[in-house]
């Protein structure tokens, strides 16, 4: 019993009409699959897919960032996020913990300084916007979700992520919605507050994780 605590701020409006051009069925199927590559860390307990080439690409991307070669780093990191599959690696030899290569690539993009983000935006902001608009106009649900997966650090990618989470909530897939929303929060979704925090709390509440739901709202209240 008991309802979800509410954060302050303007009223939250959720509307499936935002996705109407895509059609409900395809979008539900696409959005209900949580974003891949978002595991913070996985303890070895089975066989995880690995790829030495992807590991070398990650190493090279880290060196490019360290050297301030922003355009080259942005191109390589985007290429790593473009693939359908994700792979895993051990940050240090001998560790039992594995990390997602896509998660690390996305984290690197999110941590770029102003000059690096500018180089990234110059290459991908307009492209992401165009592909999202084309996906919605053409009823391509998978294309819209692909924008959310690949370009979460662009305005178009963030909107696509929020809308994918909304559809997952309305399709009674709260864990999928929580995964999308947590990814958006980690990728710099401040422009969507307080709506983002309320949606995150709702997703976790519906998934049965009430402590996390309350924590999200408490953190939102602390930020004001």
Protein backbone atom coordinates (compact mmCIF):
# COMPACT_ATOMS: atom_id res chain seq x y z
CA UNK A 1 0.00 0.00 0.00
CA UNK A 2 0.95 3.63 -0.13
CA UNK A 3 1.48 5.81 -3.10
CA UNK A 4 4.70 7.00 -4.66
CA UNK A 5 6.06 10.17 -3.01
CA UNK A 6 6.01 13.13 -5.37
CA UNK A 7 8.83 15.53 -6.15
CA UNK A 8 8.10 19.21 -6.45
CA UNK A 9 7.98 20.95 -9.80
CA UNK A 10 5.64 21.30 -12.75
CA UNK A 11 3.09 18.56 -13.43
CA UNK A 12 4.36 15.53 -15.26
CA UNK A 13 2.71 14.86 -18.60
CA UNK A 14 3.14 11.47 -20.23
CA UNK A 15 1.59 10.96 -23.62
CA UNK A 16 1.94 8.04 -25.99
CA UNK A 17 0.91 10.47 -28.72
CA UNK A 18 4.55 11.55 -28.81
CA UNK A 19 5.29 8.19 -30.42
CA UNK A 20 2.07 7.89 -32.42
CA UNK A 21 3.72 8.03 -35.86
CA UNK A 22 5.79 4.96 -34.96
CA UNK A 23 2.88 2.69 -34.10
CA UNK A 24 2.48 1.11 -30.69
CA UNK A 25 3.47 -2.47 -31.43
CA UNK A 26 6.96 -1.98 -32.93
CA UNK A 27 7.93 0.64 -30.40
CA UNK A 28 6.86 -1.47 -27.45
CA UNK A 29 9.03 -4.30 -28.74
CA UNK A 30 12.02 -2.03 -29.27
CA UNK A 31 11.72 0.04 -26.10
CA UNK A 32 11.03 -2.93 -23.85
CA UNK A 33 14.55 -4.20 -24.50
CA UNK A 34 16.78 -2.33 -22.03
CA UNK A 35 19.77 -0.47 -23.46
CA UNK A 36 22.70 -2.81 -23.90
CA UNK A 37 26.12 -2.11 -22.55
CA UNK A 38 25.04 -0.37 -19.37
CA UNK A 39 26.27 -2.82 -16.79
CA UNK A 40 28.56 -1.02 -14.36
CA UNK A 41 30.45 -4.19 -13.50
CA UNK A 42 29.81 -7.91 -13.78
CA UNK A 43 31.41 -10.56 -11.64
CA UNK A 44 32.72 -13.43 -13.72
CA UNK A 45 30.39 -16.37 -13.38
CA UNK A 46 30.00 -17.52 -16.94
CA UNK A 47 31.27 -16.87 -20.41
CA UNK A 48 31.10 -13.24 -21.54
CA UNK A 49 31.73 -12.14 -25.15
CA UNK A 50 35.14 -10.55 -25.65
CA UNK A 51 36.83 -8.94 -28.63
CA UNK A 52 40.50 -8.00 -28.68
CA UNK A 53 39.95 -5.49 -31.50
CA UNK A 54 37.35 -3.63 -29.43
CA UNK A 55 39.66 -3.61 -26.44
CA UNK A 56 42.43 -2.11 -28.57
CA UNK A 57 39.97 0.49 -29.89
CA UNK A 58 39.07 1.43 -26.33
CA UNK A 59 42.75 1.76 -25.42
CA UNK A 60 43.32 3.96 -28.47
CA UNK A 61 40.30 6.11 -27.65
CA UNK A 62 41.61 6.66 -24.14
CA UNK A 63 44.98 7.74 -25.54
CA UNK A 64 43.33 10.10 -28.02
CA UNK A 65 41.36 11.71 -25.20
CA UNK A 66 44.49 12.02 -23.07
CA UNK A 67 46.29 13.68 -25.99
CA UNK A 68 43.45 16.12 -26.63
CA UNK A 69 42.75 14.80 -30.11
CA UNK A 70 39.04 15.44 -29.71
CA UNK A 71 37.78 14.91 -33.25
CA UNK A 72 39.61 11.61 -33.68
CA UNK A 73 38.48 10.46 -30.24
CA UNK A 74 34.85 11.34 -30.98
CA UNK A 75 34.91 9.46 -34.28
CA UNK A 76 36.38 6.32 -32.72
CA UNK A 77 34.09 6.34 -29.69
CA UNK A 78 31.02 6.74 -31.88
CA UNK A 79 32.15 3.86 -34.05
CA UNK A 80 32.41 1.69 -30.94
CA UNK A 81 28.84 2.54 -29.97
CA UNK A 82 27.47 1.92 -33.46
CA UNK A 83 27.76 -1.87 -33.40
CA UNK A 84 24.82 -4.09 -32.53
CA UNK A 85 26.80 -6.25 -30.11
CA UNK A 86 28.58 -5.36 -26.92
CA UNK A 87 31.74 -6.95 -25.56
CA UNK A 88 33.38 -7.10 -22.16
CA UNK A 89 36.87 -6.66 -20.77
CA UNK A 90 38.73 -6.78 -17.48
CA UNK A 91 40.03 -3.32 -16.48
CA UNK A 92 43.07 -5.01 -14.96
CA UNK A 93 44.49 -8.45 -15.60
CA UNK A 94 43.54 -11.01 -13.00
CA UNK A 95 40.42 -9.19 -11.84
CA UNK A 96 37.16 -11.11 -11.55
CA UNK A 97 35.16 -8.04 -12.56
CA UNK A 98 34.25 -7.44 -16.19
CA UNK A 99 33.07 -4.18 -17.71
CA UNK A 100 31.10 -3.36 -20.82
CA UNK A 101 33.11 -1.78 -23.62
CA UNK A 102 30.10 0.27 -24.75
CA UNK A 103 29.59 1.55 -21.21
CA UNK A 104 33.21 2.69 -21.09
CA UNK A 105 32.94 4.36 -24.49
CA UNK A 106 29.78 6.22 -23.44
CA UNK A 107 31.40 7.21 -20.16
CA UNK A 108 34.39 8.63 -22.00
CA UNK A 109 32.10 10.76 -24.18
CA UNK A 110 30.24 12.01 -21.14
CA UNK A 111 33.48 12.95 -19.39
CA UNK A 112 34.96 14.93 -22.29
CA UNK A 113 35.86 18.53 -21.46
CA UNK A 114 34.19 21.43 -23.24
CA UNK A 115 36.50 21.27 -26.26
CA UNK A 116 35.93 17.55 -26.62
CA UNK A 117 32.15 17.84 -26.35
CA UNK A 118 32.18 20.59 -28.94
CA UNK A 119 34.06 18.33 -31.36
CA UNK A 120 31.61 15.52 -30.63
CA UNK A 121 28.58 17.77 -31.15
CA UNK A 122 29.95 19.08 -34.44
CA UNK A 123 30.13 15.54 -35.78
CA UNK A 124 26.99 13.93 -34.40
CA UNK A 125 24.42 16.39 -33.03
CA UNK A 126 22.79 17.26 -36.36
CA UNK A 127 23.05 13.68 -37.60
CA UNK A 128 21.26 12.32 -34.54
CA UNK A 129 18.56 14.98 -34.88
CA UNK A 130 17.99 14.15 -38.55
CA UNK A 131 17.83 10.40 -37.98
CA UNK A 132 15.40 10.75 -35.08
CA UNK A 133 13.11 12.96 -37.16
CA UNK A 134 13.31 10.53 -40.08
CA UNK A 135 12.57 7.58 -37.81
CA UNK A 136 9.48 9.20 -36.32
CA UNK A 137 8.22 10.41 -39.70
CA UNK A 138 8.76 6.98 -41.25
CA UNK A 139 7.34 4.94 -38.39
CA UNK A 140 10.73 3.30 -37.79
CA UNK A 141 10.66 2.38 -34.11
CA UNK A 142 13.95 0.50 -34.23
CA UNK A 143 15.63 3.51 -35.82
CA UNK A 144 14.41 5.81 -33.06
CA UNK A 145 15.63 3.43 -30.37
CA UNK A 146 18.98 3.17 -32.19
CA UNK A 147 19.36 6.94 -31.82
CA UNK A 148 18.75 6.55 -28.09
CA UNK A 149 21.33 3.79 -27.80
CA UNK A 150 24.07 5.43 -29.85
CA UNK A 151 23.76 9.16 -29.21
CA UNK A 152 22.51 9.61 -25.65
CA UNK A 153 24.93 12.51 -25.26
CA UNK A 154 23.08 14.55 -27.92
CA UNK A 155 19.73 16.36 -27.46
CA UNK A 156 18.06 14.02 -29.98
CA UNK A 157 19.45 10.94 -28.26
CA UNK A 158 18.24 12.17 -24.89
CA UNK A 159 14.74 12.81 -26.21
CA UNK A 160 14.66 9.38 -27.83
CA UNK A 161 15.79 7.81 -24.56
CA UNK A 162 13.09 9.59 -22.57
CA UNK A 163 10.42 8.55 -25.04
CA UNK A 164 11.60 4.94 -25.14
CA UNK A 165 11.39 4.87 -21.34
CA UNK A 166 7.90 6.36 -21.47
CA UNK A 167 6.73 3.68 -23.85
CA UNK A 168 8.29 0.95 -21.71
CA UNK A 169 6.41 2.28 -18.68
CA UNK A 170 3.13 2.32 -20.54
CA UNK A 171 3.84 -1.22 -21.77
CA UNK A 172 4.25 -2.34 -18.12
CA UNK A 173 7.99 -2.91 -18.53
CA UNK A 174 9.24 -0.93 -15.51
CA UNK A 175 12.71 -2.47 -15.35
CA UNK A 176 13.34 -1.62 -18.99
CA UNK A 177 12.08 1.90 -18.33
CA UNK A 178 14.35 2.24 -15.29
CA UNK A 179 17.36 1.13 -17.35
CA UNK A 180 16.61 3.74 -20.03
CA UNK A 181 16.04 6.50 -17.47
CA UNK A 182 19.11 5.70 -15.37
CA UNK A 183 21.15 5.83 -18.56
CA UNK A 184 19.71 9.24 -19.36
CA UNK A 185 20.42 10.50 -15.85
CA UNK A 186 24.01 9.30 -16.08
CA UNK A 187 24.39 10.88 -19.53
CA UNK A 188 23.46 14.40 -18.48
CA UNK A 189 19.68 14.63 -18.49
CA UNK A 190 19.45 17.74 -16.31
CA UNK A 191 17.33 19.53 -18.90
CA UNK A 192 14.54 17.02 -18.25
CA UNK A 193 14.35 17.56 -14.49
CA UNK A 194 12.20 17.23 -12.43
CA UNK A 195 10.30 15.03 -14.90
CA UNK A 196 13.25 12.67 -15.26
CA UNK A 197 13.50 12.02 -11.52
CA UNK A 198 9.76 11.46 -11.18
CA UNK A 199 9.79 8.99 -14.08
CA UNK A 200 12.82 7.18 -12.62
CA UNK A 201 11.15 6.91 -9.24
CA UNK A 202 7.93 5.68 -10.84
CA UNK A 203 9.77 3.03 -12.83
CA UNK A 204 11.62 1.69 -9.79
CA UNK A 205 8.47 1.84 -7.66
CA UNK A 206 6.51 -0.18 -10.20
CA UNK A 207 9.41 -2.63 -10.46
CA UNK A 208 9.11 -3.25 -6.73
CA UNK A 209 12.27 -1.44 -5.66
CA UNK A 210 10.75 1.17 -3.36
CA UNK A 211 13.99 2.15 -1.56
CA UNK A 212 15.56 3.15 -4.88
CA UNK A 213 12.42 5.06 -5.87
CA UNK A 214 12.45 7.04 -2.64
CA UNK A 215 16.20 7.67 -2.93
CA UNK A 216 15.76 9.10 -6.44
CA UNK A 217 13.15 11.57 -5.20
CA UNK A 218 15.21 12.50 -2.16
CA UNK A 219 18.19 13.25 -4.37
CA UNK A 220 15.96 15.32 -6.66
CA UNK A 221 14.74 17.30 -3.67
CA UNK A 222 18.31 17.92 -2.53
CA UNK A 223 19.15 19.38 -5.93
CA UNK A 224 16.20 21.74 -5.53
